Amino acid sequence: MKTQIRAKTLPLEQERAWKAADEHLWSQIRSLFDRCPELTGFSVQAKLSADRPNRPDEEELFVTAISISPRLSKEQYSGIFEQISGTLTDLLAERPETQSLLRGRTFARTVH
């Protein structure tokens, strides 16, 4: 009987864990946009290998399509890239499961 209870609660526990990871991800992304007011958006993609198919446990992510407004100097752009990279690195170190939440996502500043 305990096995049946665990089987029913496991998906609920997993759902809660994914929801918590997603909330933590968005908290960090909002903080990133607060720290970098010029950053309007960026995407995270999986690095593709022509030699062999990607394995999820070995997959490498990279930041692409960084959008900044107004246009900044190379040094300022580099600083924002470092902020993005640092935020994602810290996030992945804290919660490795967020890798699957990041892959293929575009994050954009919300304007109200």
PDB file of N, CA and C in Angstrom:
ATOM      1  N   MET A   1       0.816  -1.187   0.000  1.00  0.00           N
ATOM      2  CA  MET A   1       0.000   0.000   0.000  1.00  0.00           C
ATOM      3  C   MET A   1       0.864   1.258   0.000  1.00  0.00           C
ATOM      4  N   LYS A   2       1.968   1.254   0.733  1.00  0.00           N
ATOM      5  CA  LYS A   2       2.847   2.405   0.746  1.00  0.00           C
ATOM      6  C   LYS A   2       3.417   2.680  -0.642  1.00  0.00           C
ATOM      7  N   THR A   3       3.678   1.630  -1.401  1.00  0.00           N
ATOM      8  CA  THR A   3       4.191   1.786  -2.761  1.00  0.00           C
ATOM      9  C   THR A   3       3.205   2.557  -3.617  1.00  0.00           C
ATOM     10  N   GLN A   4       1.929   2.249  -3.484  1.00  0.00           N
ATOM     11  CA  GLN A   4       0.911   2.954  -4.257  1.00  0.00           C
ATOM     12  C   GLN A   4       0.861   4.424  -3.867  1.00  0.00           C
ATOM     13  N   ILE A   5       0.975   4.722  -2.586  1.00  0.00           N
ATOM     14  CA  ILE A   5       0.956   6.115  -2.131  1.00  0.00           C
ATOM     15  C   ILE A   5       2.167   6.851  -2.700  1.00  0.00           C
ATOM     16  N   ARG A   6       3.330   6.244  -2.650  1.00  0.00           N
ATOM     17  CA  ARG A   6       4.527   6.868  -3.204  1.00  0.00           C
ATOM     18  C   ARG A   6       4.393   7.088  -4.698  1.00  0.00           C
ATOM     19  N   ALA A   7       3.837   6.111  -5.392  1.00  0.00           N
ATOM     20  CA  ALA A   7       3.668   6.236  -6.845  1.00  0.00           C
ATOM     21  C   ALA A   7       2.759   7.403  -7.187  1.00  0.00           C
ATOM     22  N   LYS A   8       1.751   7.639  -6.373  1.00  0.00           N
ATOM     23  CA  LYS A   8       0.834   8.755  -6.626  1.00  0.00           C
ATOM     24  C   LYS A   8       1.451  10.089  -6.237  1.00  0.00           C
ATOM     25  N   THR A   9       2.264  10.114  -5.188  1.00  0.00           N
ATOM     26  CA  THR A   9       2.831  11.386  -4.720  1.00  0.00           C
ATOM     27  C   THR A   9       4.088  11.766  -5.481  1.00  0.00           C
ATOM     28  N   LEU A  10       4.782  10.816  -6.066  1.00  0.00           N
ATOM     29  CA  LEU A  10       6.016  11.136  -6.777  1.00  0.00           C
ATOM     30  C   LEU A  10       5.794  12.158  -7.890  1.00  0.00           C
ATOM     31  N   PRO A  11       4.793  11.953  -8.754  1.00  0.00           N
ATOM     32  CA  PRO A  11       4.578  12.974  -9.781  1.00  0.00           C
ATOM     33  C   PRO A  11       4.251  14.344  -9.166  1.00  0.00           C
ATOM     34  N   LEU A  12       3.511  14.362  -8.061  1.00  0.00           N
ATOM     35  CA  LEU A  12       3.202  15.621  -7.396  1.00  0.00           C
ATOM     36  C   LEU A  12       4.474  16.257  -6.842  1.00  0.00           C
ATOM     37  N   GLU A  13       5.339  15.446  -6.248  1.00  0.00           N
ATOM     38  CA  GLU A  13       6.613  15.951  -5.730  1.00  0.00           C
ATOM     39  C   GLU A  13       7.493  16.469  -6.869  1.00  0.00           C
ATOM     40  N   GLN A  14       7.517  15.725  -7.972  1.00  0.00           N
ATOM     41  CA  GLN A  14       8.298  16.175  -9.130  1.00  0.00           C
ATOM     42  C   GLN A  14       7.731  17.471  -9.685  1.00  0.00           C
ATOM     43  N   GLU A  15       6.416  17.559  -9.752  1.00  0.00           N
ATOM     44  CA  GLU A  15       5.781  18.778 -10.247  1.00  0.00           C
ATOM     45  C   GLU A  15       6.127  19.966  -9.351  1.00  0.00           C
ATOM     46  N   ARG A  16       6.109  19.758  -8.056  1.00  0.00           N
ATOM     47  CA  ARG A  16       6.477  20.825  -7.115  1.00  0.00           C
ATOM     48  C   ARG A  16       7.943  21.219  -7.290  1.00  0.00           C
ATOM     49  N   ALA A  17       8.798  20.223  -7.478  1.00  0.00           N
ATOM     50  CA  ALA A  17      10.226  20.502  -7.659  1.00  0.00           C
ATOM     51  C   ALA A  17      10.458  21.314  -8.935  1.00  0.00           C
ATOM     52  N   TRP A  18       9.785  20.934 -10.026  1.00  0.00           N
ATOM     53  CA  TRP A  18       9.943  21.679 -11.286  1.00  0.00           C
ATOM     54  C   TRP A  18       9.386  23.086 -11.157  1.00  0.00           C
ATOM     55  N   LYS A  19       8.274  23.211 -10.464  1.00  0.00           N
ATOM     56  CA  LYS A  19       7.678  24.539 -10.270  1.00  0.00           C
ATOM     57  C   LYS A  19       8.613  25.415  -9.443  1.00  0.00           C
ATOM     58  N   ALA A  20       9.202  24.857  -8.402  1.00  0.00           N
ATOM     59  CA  ALA A  20      10.151  25.612  -7.570  1.00  0.00           C
ATOM     60  C   ALA A  20      11.378  26.003  -8.382  1.00  0.00           C
ATOM     61  N   ALA A  21      11.867  25.091  -9.213  1.00  0.00           N
ATOM     62  CA  ALA A  21      13.028  25.405 -10.055  1.00  0.00           C
ATOM     63  C   ALA A  21      12.687  26.510 -11.049  1.00  0.00           C
ATOM     64  N   ASP A  22      11.500  26.453 -11.631  1.00  0.00           N
ATOM     65  CA  ASP A  22      11.075  27.481 -12.582  1.00  0.00           C
ATOM     66  C   ASP A  22      10.916  28.837 -11.892  1.00  0.00           C
ATOM     67  N   GLU A  23      10.348  28.844 -10.699  1.00  0.00           N
ATOM     68  CA  GLU A  23      10.204  30.094  -9.950  1.00  0.00           C
ATOM     69  C   GLU A  23      11.569  30.672  -9.604  1.00  0.00           C
ATOM     70  N   HIS A  24      12.497  29.802  -9.205  1.00  0.00           N
ATOM     71  CA  HIS A  24      13.854  30.263  -8.890  1.00  0.00           C
ATOM     72  C   HIS A  24      14.529  30.824 -10.141  1.00  0.00           C
ATOM     73  N   LEU A  25      14.343  30.148 -11.268  1.00  0.00           N
ATOM     74  CA  LEU A  25      14.889  30.619 -12.540  1.00  0.00           C
ATOM     75  C   LEU A  25      14.374  32.017 -12.842  1.00  0.00           C
ATOM     76  N   TRP A  26      13.064  32.222 -12.777  1.00  0.00           N
ATOM     77  CA  TRP A  26      12.487  33.526 -13.103  1.00  0.00           C
ATOM     78  C   TRP A  26      12.912  34.599 -12.111  1.00  0.00           C
ATOM     79  N   SER A  27      13.081  34.231 -10.863  1.00  0.00           N
ATOM     80  CA  SER A  27      13.573  35.181  -9.871  1.00  0.00           C
ATOM     81  C   SER A  27      14.967  35.680 -10.261  1.00  0.00           C
ATOM     82  N   GLN A  28      15.821  34.759 -10.662  1.00  0.00           N
ATOM     83  CA  GLN A  28      17.183  35.125 -11.064  1.00  0.00           C
ATOM     84  C   GLN A  28      17.192  35.946 -12.357  1.00  0.00           C
ATOM     85  N   ILE A  29      16.311  35.610 -13.292  1.00  0.00           N
ATOM     86  CA  ILE A  29      16.237  36.355 -14.554  1.00  0.00           C
ATOM     87  C   ILE A  29      15.731  37.775 -14.297  1.00  0.00           C
ATOM     88  N   ARG A  30      14.710  37.914 -13.460  1.00  0.00           N
ATOM     89  CA  ARG A  30      14.215  39.267 -13.118  1.00  0.00           C
ATOM     90  C   ARG A  30      15.313  40.094 -12.462  1.00  0.00           C
ATOM     91  N   SER A  31      16.062  39.469 -11.566  1.00  0.00           N
ATOM     92  CA  SER A  31      17.166  40.160 -10.906  1.00  0.00           C
ATOM     93  C   SER A  31      18.225  40.593 -11.918  1.00  0.00           C
ATOM     94  N   LEU A  32      18.503  39.737 -12.889  1.00  0.00           N
ATOM     95  CA  LEU A  32      19.456  40.062 -13.955  1.00  0.00           C
ATOM     96  C   LEU A  32      18.993  41.294 -14.734  1.00  0.00           C
ATOM     97  N   PHE A  33      17.728  41.314 -15.126  1.00  0.00           N
ATOM     98  CA  PHE A  33      17.203  42.468 -15.856  1.00  0.00           C
ATOM     99  C   PHE A  33      17.221  43.728 -14.988  1.00  0.00           C
ATOM    100  N   ASP A  34      17.009  43.590 -13.686  1.00  0.00           N
ATOM    101  CA  ASP A  34      17.091  44.747 -12.780  1.00  0.00           C
ATOM    102  C   ASP A  34      18.514  45.291 -12.719  1.00  0.00           C
ATOM    103  N   ARG A  35      19.502  44.394 -12.688  1.00  0.00           N
ATOM    104  CA  ARG A  35      20.911  44.811 -12.617  1.00  0.00           C
ATOM    105  C   ARG A  35      21.417  45.386 -13.934  1.00  0.00           C
ATOM    106  N   CYS A  36      20.803  44.999 -15.031  1.00  0.00           N
ATOM    107  CA  CYS A  36      21.249  45.415 -16.371  1.00  0.00           C
ATOM    108  C   CYS A  36      20.088  46.108 -17.094  1.00  0.00           C
ATOM    109  N   PRO A  37      19.833  47.375 -16.804  1.00  0.00           N
ATOM    110  CA  PRO A  37      18.672  48.052 -17.398  1.00  0.00           C
ATOM    111  C   PRO A  37      18.729  48.159 -18.919  1.00  0.00           C
ATOM    112  N   GLU A  38      19.902  48.067 -19.517  1.00  0.00           N
ATOM    113  CA  GLU A  38      20.029  48.146 -20.978  1.00  0.00           C
ATOM    114  C   GLU A  38      19.694  46.827 -21.664  1.00  0.00           C
ATOM    115  N   LEU A  39      19.722  45.734 -20.911  1.00  0.00           N
ATOM    116  CA  LEU A  39      19.451  44.410 -21.465  1.00  0.00           C
ATOM    117  C   LEU A  39      17.955  44.293 -21.754  1.00  0.00           C
ATOM    118  N   THR A  40      17.617  43.999 -23.004  1.00  0.00           N
ATOM    119  CA  THR A  40      16.209  43.829 -23.353  1.00  0.00           C
ATOM    120  C   THR A  40      15.853  42.367 -23.607  1.00  0.00           C
ATOM    121  N   GLY A  41      16.844  41.504 -23.858  1.00  0.00           N
ATOM    122  CA  GLY A  41      16.547  40.097 -24.035  1.00  0.00           C
ATOM    123  C   GLY A  41      17.756  39.288 -24.437  1.00  0.00           C
ATOM    124  N   PHE A  42      17.612  37.970 -24.341  1.00  0.00           N
ATOM    125  CA  PHE A  42      18.662  37.045 -24.774  1.00  0.00           C
ATOM    126  C   PHE A  42      18.054  35.656 -24.893  1.00  0.00           C
ATOM    127  N   SER A  43      18.739  34.787 -25.605  1.00  0.00           N
ATOM    128  CA  SER A  43      18.303  33.402 -25.779  1.00  0.00           C
ATOM    129  C   SER A  43      19.382  32.456 -25.268  1.00  0.00           C
ATOM    130  N   VAL A  44      18.954  31.268 -24.899  1.00  0.00           N
ATOM    131  CA  VAL A  44      19.864  30.212 -24.456  1.00  0.00           C
ATOM    132  C   VAL A  44      19.618  29.017 -25.369  1.00  0.00           C
ATOM    133  N   GLN A  45      20.679  28.539 -25.993  1.00  0.00           N
ATOM    134  CA  GLN A  45      20.576  27.430 -26.936  1.00  0.00           C
ATOM    135  C   GLN A  45      21.539  26.317 -26.541  1.00  0.00           C
ATOM    136  N   ALA A  46      21.229  25.128 -26.997  1.00  0.00           N
ATOM    137  CA  ALA A  46      22.143  23.995 -26.819  1.00  0.00           C
ATOM    138  C   ALA A  46      23.175  24.038 -27.933  1.00  0.00           C
ATOM    139  N   LYS A  47      24.423  23.789 -27.574  1.00  0.00           N
ATOM    140  CA  LYS A  47      25.481  23.729 -28.565  1.00  0.00           C
ATOM    141  C   LYS A  47      25.332  22.432 -29.348  1.00  0.00           C
ATOM    142  N   LEU A  48      25.267  22.549 -30.657  1.00  0.00           N
ATOM    143  CA  LEU A  48      25.114  21.377 -31.511  1.00  0.00           C
ATOM    144  C   LEU A  48      26.469  20.879 -31.966  1.00  0.00           C
ATOM    145  N   SER A  49      26.599  19.578 -32.022  1.00  0.00           N
ATOM    146  CA  SER A  49      27.840  18.964 -32.462  1.00  0.00           C
ATOM    147  C   SER A  49      27.589  18.210 -33.756  1.00  0.00           C
ATOM    148  N   ALA A  50      28.394  18.495 -34.758  1.00  0.00           N
ATOM    149  CA  ALA A  50      28.251  17.794 -36.039  1.00  0.00           C
ATOM    150  C   ALA A  50      28.834  16.384 -35.966  1.00  0.00           C
ATOM    151  N   ASP A  51      29.733  16.169 -35.011  1.00  0.00           N
ATOM    152  CA  ASP A  51      30.406  14.875 -34.892  1.00  0.00           C
ATOM    153  C   ASP A  51      29.522  13.779 -34.303  1.00  0.00           C
ATOM    154  N   ARG A  52      28.693  14.156 -33.347  1.00  0.00           N
ATOM    155  CA  ARG A  52      27.851  13.169 -32.674  1.00  0.00           C
ATOM    156  C   ARG A  52      26.624  13.872 -32.103  1.00  0.00           C
ATOM    157  N   PRO A  53      25.551  13.125 -31.896  1.00  0.00           N
ATOM    158  CA  PRO A  53      24.348  13.736 -31.336  1.00  0.00           C
ATOM    159  C   PRO A  53      24.572  14.185 -29.891  1.00  0.00           C
ATOM    160  N   ASN A  54      23.849  15.218 -29.497  1.00  0.00           N
ATOM    161  CA  ASN A  54      23.930  15.699 -28.121  1.00  0.00           C
ATOM    162  C   ASN A  54      23.309  14.693 -27.165  1.00  0.00           C
ATOM    163  N   ARG A  55      23.972  14.510 -26.041  1.00  0.00           N
ATOM    164  CA  ARG A  55      23.396  13.742 -24.945  1.00  0.00           C
ATOM    165  C   ARG A  55      22.995  14.751 -23.892  1.00  0.00           C
ATOM    166  N   PRO A  56      21.776  14.664 -23.349  1.00  0.00           N
ATOM    167  CA  PRO A  56      21.311  15.663 -22.383  1.00  0.00           C
ATOM    168  C   PRO A  56      22.249  15.855 -21.196  1.00  0.00           C
ATOM    169  N   ASP A  57      22.897  14.778 -20.731  1.00  0.00           N
ATOM    170  CA  ASP A  57      23.784  14.902 -19.581  1.00  0.00           C
ATOM    171  C   ASP A  57      25.127  15.550 -19.936  1.00  0.00           C
ATOM    172  N   GLU A  58      25.439  15.677 -21.217  1.00  0.00           N
ATOM    173  CA  GLU A  58      26.694  16.293 -21.654  1.00  0.00           C
ATOM    174  C   GLU A  58      26.453  17.589 -22.411  1.00  0.00           C
ATOM    175  N   GLU A  59      25.219  17.991 -22.502  1.00  0.00           N
ATOM    176  CA  GLU A  59      24.855  19.132 -23.318  1.00  0.00           C
ATOM    177  C   GLU A  59      25.443  20.432 -22.769  1.00  0.00           C
ATOM    178  N   GLU A  60      25.973  21.224 -23.672  1.00  0.00           N
ATOM    179  CA  GLU A  60      26.538  22.512 -23.314  1.00  0.00           C
ATOM    180  C   GLU A  60      25.593  23.599 -23.825  1.00  0.00           C
ATOM    181  N   LEU A  61      25.303  24.561 -22.953  1.00  0.00           N
ATOM    182  CA  LEU A  61      24.426  25.663 -23.331  1.00  0.00           C
ATOM    183  C   LEU A  61      25.252  26.896 -23.632  1.00  0.00           C
ATOM    184  N   PHE A  62      24.731  27.752 -24.510  1.00  0.00           N
ATOM    185  CA  PHE A  62      25.393  29.023 -24.753  1.00  0.00           C
ATOM    186  C   PHE A  62      24.348  30.110 -24.939  1.00  0.00           C
ATOM    187  N   VAL A  63      24.766  31.333 -24.655  1.00  0.00           N
ATOM    188  CA  VAL A  63      23.894  32.501 -24.749  1.00  0.00           C
ATOM    189  C   VAL A  63      24.031  33.086 -26.139  1.00  0.00           C
ATOM    190  N   THR A  64      22.906  33.440 -26.730  1.00  0.00           N
ATOM    191  CA  THR A  64      22.904  34.013 -28.070  1.00  0.00           C
ATOM    192  C   THR A  64      21.839  35.097 -28.155  1.00  0.00           C
ATOM    193  N   ALA A  65      21.857  35.823 -29.231  1.00  0.00           N
ATOM    194  CA  ALA A  65      20.842  36.842 -29.529  1.00  0.00           C
ATOM    195  C   ALA A  65      20.641  37.817 -28.377  1.00  0.00           C
ATOM    196  N   ILE A  66      21.740  38.341 -27.858  1.00  0.00           N
ATOM    197  CA  ILE A  66      21.650  39.323 -26.784  1.00  0.00           C
ATOM    198  C   ILE A  66      21.174  40.641 -27.387  1.00  0.00           C
ATOM    199  N   SER A  67      20.130  41.189 -26.805  1.00  0.00           N
ATOM    200  CA  SER A  67      19.561  42.444 -27.280  1.00  0.00           C
ATOM    201  C   SER A  67      19.751  43.509 -26.207  1.00  0.00           C
ATOM    202  N   ILE A  68      20.375  44.619 -26.618  1.00  0.00           N
ATOM    203  CA  ILE A  68      20.685  45.709 -25.689  1.00  0.00           C
ATOM    204  C   ILE A  68      20.227  47.019 -26.320  1.00  0.00           C
ATOM    205  N   SER A  69      19.594  47.852 -25.500  1.00  0.00           N
ATOM    206  CA  SER A  69      19.161  49.159 -25.981  1.00  0.00           C
ATOM    207  C   SER A  69      19.288  50.159 -24.835  1.00  0.00           C
ATOM    208  N   PRO A  70      19.934  51.283 -25.037  1.00  0.00           N
ATOM    209  CA  PRO A  70      20.557  51.749 -26.268  1.00  0.00           C
ATOM    210  C   PRO A  70      21.860  50.998 -26.537  1.00  0.00           C
ATOM    211  N   ARG A  71      22.397  51.232 -27.710  1.00  0.00           N
ATOM    212  CA  ARG A  71      23.647  50.585 -28.105  1.00  0.00           C
ATOM    213  C   ARG A  71      24.763  51.002 -27.143  1.00  0.00           C
ATOM    214  N   LEU A  72      25.575  50.036 -26.750  1.00  0.00           N
ATOM    215  CA  LEU A  72      26.636  50.280 -25.771  1.00  0.00           C
ATOM    216  C   LEU A  72      28.005  50.008 -26.366  1.00  0.00           C
ATOM    217  N   SER A  73      29.030  50.418 -25.626  1.00  0.00           N
ATOM    218  CA  SER A  73      30.399  50.142 -26.050  1.00  0.00           C
ATOM    219  C   SER A  73      30.694  48.650 -25.872  1.00  0.00           C
ATOM    220  N   LYS A  74      31.801  48.205 -26.469  1.00  0.00           N
ATOM    221  CA  LYS A  74      32.202  46.799 -26.339  1.00  0.00           C
ATOM    222  C   LYS A  74      32.413  46.420 -24.876  1.00  0.00           C
ATOM    223  N   GLU A  75      32.993  47.321 -24.100  1.00  0.00           N
ATOM    224  CA  GLU A  75      33.255  47.042 -22.687  1.00  0.00           C
ATOM    225  C   GLU A  75      31.947  46.883 -21.913  1.00  0.00           C
ATOM    226  N   GLN A  76      30.973  47.761 -22.183  1.00  0.00           N
ATOM    227  CA  GLN A  76      29.683  47.663 -21.507  1.00  0.00           C
ATOM    228  C   GLN A  76      28.942  46.393 -21.927  1.00  0.00           C
ATOM    229  N   TYR A  77      28.994  46.091 -23.218  1.00  0.00           N
ATOM    230  CA  TYR A  77      28.368  44.875 -23.736  1.00  0.00           C
ATOM    231  C   TYR A  77      28.996  43.656 -23.066  1.00  0.00           C
ATOM    232  N   SER A  78      30.316  43.673 -22.957  1.00  0.00           N
ATOM    233  CA  SER A  78      31.026  42.569 -22.316  1.00  0.00           C
ATOM    234  C   SER A  78      30.587  42.415 -20.862  1.00  0.00           C
ATOM    235  N   GLY A  79      30.398  43.531 -20.181  1.00  0.00           N
ATOM    236  CA  GLY A  79      29.947  43.486 -18.796  1.00  0.00           C
ATOM    237  C   GLY A  79      28.569  42.852 -18.663  1.00  0.00           C
ATOM    238  N   ILE A  80      27.676  43.179 -19.575  1.00  0.00           N
ATOM    239  CA  ILE A  80      26.337  42.584 -19.547  1.00  0.00           C
ATOM    240  C   ILE A  80      26.417  41.095 -19.864  1.00  0.00           C
ATOM    241  N   PHE A  81      27.244  40.733 -20.848  1.00  0.00           N
ATOM    242  CA  PHE A  81      27.415  39.313 -21.156  1.00  0.00           C
ATOM    243  C   PHE A  81      27.924  38.562 -19.927  1.00  0.00           C
ATOM    244  N   GLU A  82      28.867  39.151 -19.211  1.00  0.00           N
ATOM    245  CA  GLU A  82      29.399  38.514 -18.003  1.00  0.00           C
ATOM    246  C   GLU A  82      28.316  38.375 -16.939  1.00  0.00           C
ATOM    247  N   GLN A  83      27.433  39.366 -16.833  1.00  0.00           N
ATOM    248  CA  GLN A  83      26.317  39.282 -15.883  1.00  0.00           C
ATOM    249  C   GLN A  83      25.392  38.111 -16.241  1.00  0.00           C
ATOM    250  N   ILE A  84      25.069  37.995 -17.526  1.00  0.00           N
ATOM    251  CA  ILE A  84      24.209  36.896 -17.977  1.00  0.00           C
ATOM    252  C   ILE A  84      24.886  35.560 -17.693  1.00  0.00           C
ATOM    253  N   SER A  85      26.124  35.438 -18.121  1.00  0.00           N
ATOM    254  CA  SER A  85      26.875  34.200 -17.955  1.00  0.00           C
ATOM    255  C   SER A  85      27.005  33.825 -16.482  1.00  0.00           C
ATOM    256  N   GLY A  86      27.330  34.787 -15.653  1.00  0.00           N
ATOM    257  CA  GLY A  86      27.471  34.526 -14.217  1.00  0.00           C
ATOM    258  C   GLY A  86      26.166  34.091 -13.578  1.00  0.00           C
ATOM    259  N   THR A  87      25.086  34.754 -13.966  1.00  0.00           N
ATOM    260  CA  THR A  87      23.768  34.404 -13.426  1.00  0.00           C
ATOM    261  C   THR A  87      23.400  32.974 -13.796  1.00  0.00           C
ATOM    262  N   LEU A  88      23.591  32.615 -15.064  1.00  0.00           N
ATOM    263  CA  LEU A  88      23.235  31.266 -15.503  1.00  0.00           C
ATOM    264  C   LEU A  88      24.152  30.213 -14.891  1.00  0.00           C
ATOM    265  N   THR A  89      25.433  30.515 -14.777  1.00  0.00           N
ATOM    266  CA  THR A  89      26.380  29.583 -14.161  1.00  0.00           C
ATOM    267  C   THR A  89      26.001  29.322 -12.704  1.00  0.00           C
ATOM    268  N   ASP A  90      25.708  30.399 -11.963  1.00  0.00           N
ATOM    269  CA  ASP A  90      25.304  30.249 -10.562  1.00  0.00           C
ATOM    270  C   ASP A  90      24.002  29.461 -10.448  1.00  0.00           C
ATOM    271  N   LEU A  91      23.076  29.768 -11.322  1.00  0.00           N
ATOM    272  CA  LEU A  91      21.783  29.087 -11.319  1.00  0.00           C
ATOM    273  C   LEU A  91      21.953  27.591 -11.554  1.00  0.00           C
ATOM    274  N   LEU A  92      22.775  27.228 -12.533  1.00  0.00           N
ATOM    275  CA  LEU A  92      23.013  25.815 -12.829  1.00  0.00           C
ATOM    276  C   LEU A  92      23.764  25.108 -11.703  1.00  0.00           C
ATOM    277  N   ALA A  93      24.631  25.838 -11.021  1.00  0.00           N
ATOM    278  CA  ALA A  93      25.344  25.242  -9.891  1.00  0.00           C
ATOM    279  C   ALA A  93      24.380  24.972  -8.733  1.00  0.00           C
ATOM    280  N   GLU A  94      23.440  25.886  -8.510  1.00  0.00           N
ATOM    281  CA  GLU A  94      22.465  25.729  -7.434  1.00  0.00           C
ATOM    282  C   GLU A  94      21.418  24.672  -7.769  1.00  0.00           C
ATOM    283  N   ARG A  95      20.958  24.691  -9.010  1.00  0.00           N
ATOM    284  CA  ARG A  95      19.867  23.806  -9.432  1.00  0.00           C
ATOM    285  C   ARG A  95      20.177  23.253 -10.820  1.00  0.00           C
ATOM    286  N   PRO A  96      20.919  22.162 -10.901  1.00  0.00           N
ATOM    287  CA  PRO A  96      21.284  21.592 -12.203  1.00  0.00           C
ATOM    288  C   PRO A  96      20.081  21.269 -13.095  1.00  0.00           C
ATOM    289  N   GLU A  97      18.949  20.978 -12.488  1.00  0.00           N
ATOM    290  CA  GLU A  97      17.766  20.640 -13.283  1.00  0.00           C
ATOM    291  C   GLU A  97      17.271  21.811 -14.134  1.00  0.00           C
ATOM    292  N   THR A  98      17.708  23.022 -13.822  1.00  0.00           N
ATOM    293  CA  THR A  98      17.262  24.169 -14.625  1.00  0.00           C
ATOM    294  C   THR A  98      17.870  24.162 -16.026  1.00  0.00           C
ATOM    295  N   GLN A  99      18.854  23.315 -16.263  1.00  0.00           N
ATOM    296  CA  GLN A  99      19.418  23.236 -17.613  1.00  0.00           C
ATOM    297  C   GLN A  99      18.321  22.932 -18.629  1.00  0.00           C
ATOM    298  N   SER A 100      17.447  22.007 -18.295  1.00  0.00           N
ATOM    299  CA  SER A 100      16.369  21.676 -19.233  1.00  0.00           C
ATOM    300  C   SER A 100      15.338  22.796 -19.325  1.00  0.00           C
ATOM    301  N   LEU A 101      15.243  23.638 -18.292  1.00  0.00           N
ATOM    302  CA  LEU A 101      14.329  24.784 -18.340  1.00  0.00           C
ATOM    303  C   LEU A 101      14.915  25.933 -19.163  1.00  0.00           C
ATOM    304  N   LEU A 102      16.226  25.993 -19.265  1.00  0.00           N
ATOM    305  CA  LEU A 102      16.896  27.071 -20.004  1.00  0.00           C
ATOM    306  C   LEU A 102      16.985  26.801 -21.508  1.00  0.00           C
ATOM    307  N   ARG A 103      17.197  25.543 -21.860  1.00  0.00           N
ATOM    308  CA  ARG A 103      17.451  25.148 -23.255  1.00  0.00           C
ATOM    309  C   ARG A 103      16.341  25.631 -24.188  1.00  0.00           C
ATOM    310  N   GLY A 104      16.740  26.392 -25.205  1.00  0.00           N
ATOM    311  CA  GLY A 104      15.809  26.833 -26.220  1.00  0.00           C
ATOM    312  C   GLY A 104      14.902  27.979 -25.807  1.00  0.00           C
ATOM    313  N   ARG A 105      15.213  28.626 -24.704  1.00  0.00           N
ATOM    314  CA  ARG A 105      14.345  29.705 -24.201  1.00  0.00           C
ATOM    315  C   ARG A 105      14.888  31.061 -24.587  1.00  0.00           C
ATOM    316  N   THR A 106      13.972  31.980 -24.795  1.00  0.00           N
ATOM    317  CA  THR A 106      14.303  33.385 -24.988  1.00  0.00           C
ATOM    318  C   THR A 106      13.696  34.149 -23.823  1.00  0.00           C
ATOM    319  N   PHE A 107      14.504  34.995 -23.208  1.00  0.00           N
ATOM    320  CA  PHE A 107      14.067  35.799 -22.083  1.00  0.00           C
ATOM    321  C   PHE A 107      14.036  37.259 -22.531  1.00  0.00           C
ATOM    322  N   ALA A 108      12.934  37.924 -22.262  1.00  0.00           N
ATOM    323  CA  ALA A 108      12.789  39.310 -22.691  1.00  0.00           C
ATOM    324  C   ALA A 108      12.311  40.150 -21.515  1.00  0.00           C
ATOM    325  N   ARG A 109      12.776  41.386 -21.496  1.00  0.00           N
ATOM    326  CA  ARG A 109      12.354  42.331 -20.468  1.00  0.00           C
ATOM    327  C   ARG A 109      10.861  42.588 -20.639  1.00  0.00           C
ATOM    328  N   THR A 110      10.161  42.623 -19.526  1.00  0.00           N
ATOM    329  CA  THR A 110       8.745  42.948 -19.551  1.00  0.00           C
ATOM    330  C   THR A 110       8.594  44.445 -19.305  1.00  0.00           C
ATOM    331  N   VAL A 111       7.896  45.108 -20.198  1.00  0.00           N
ATOM    332  CA  VAL A 111       7.680  46.544 -20.073  1.00  0.00           C
ATOM    333  C   VAL A 111       6.216  46.759 -19.739  1.00  0.00           C
ATOM    334  N   HIS A 112       5.971  47.501 -18.679  1.00  0.00           N
ATOM    335  CA  HIS A 112       4.586  47.787 -18.275  1.00  0.00           C
ATOM    336  C   HIS A 112       4.237  49.213 -18.581  1.00  0.00           C
TER     337      HIS A 112
END
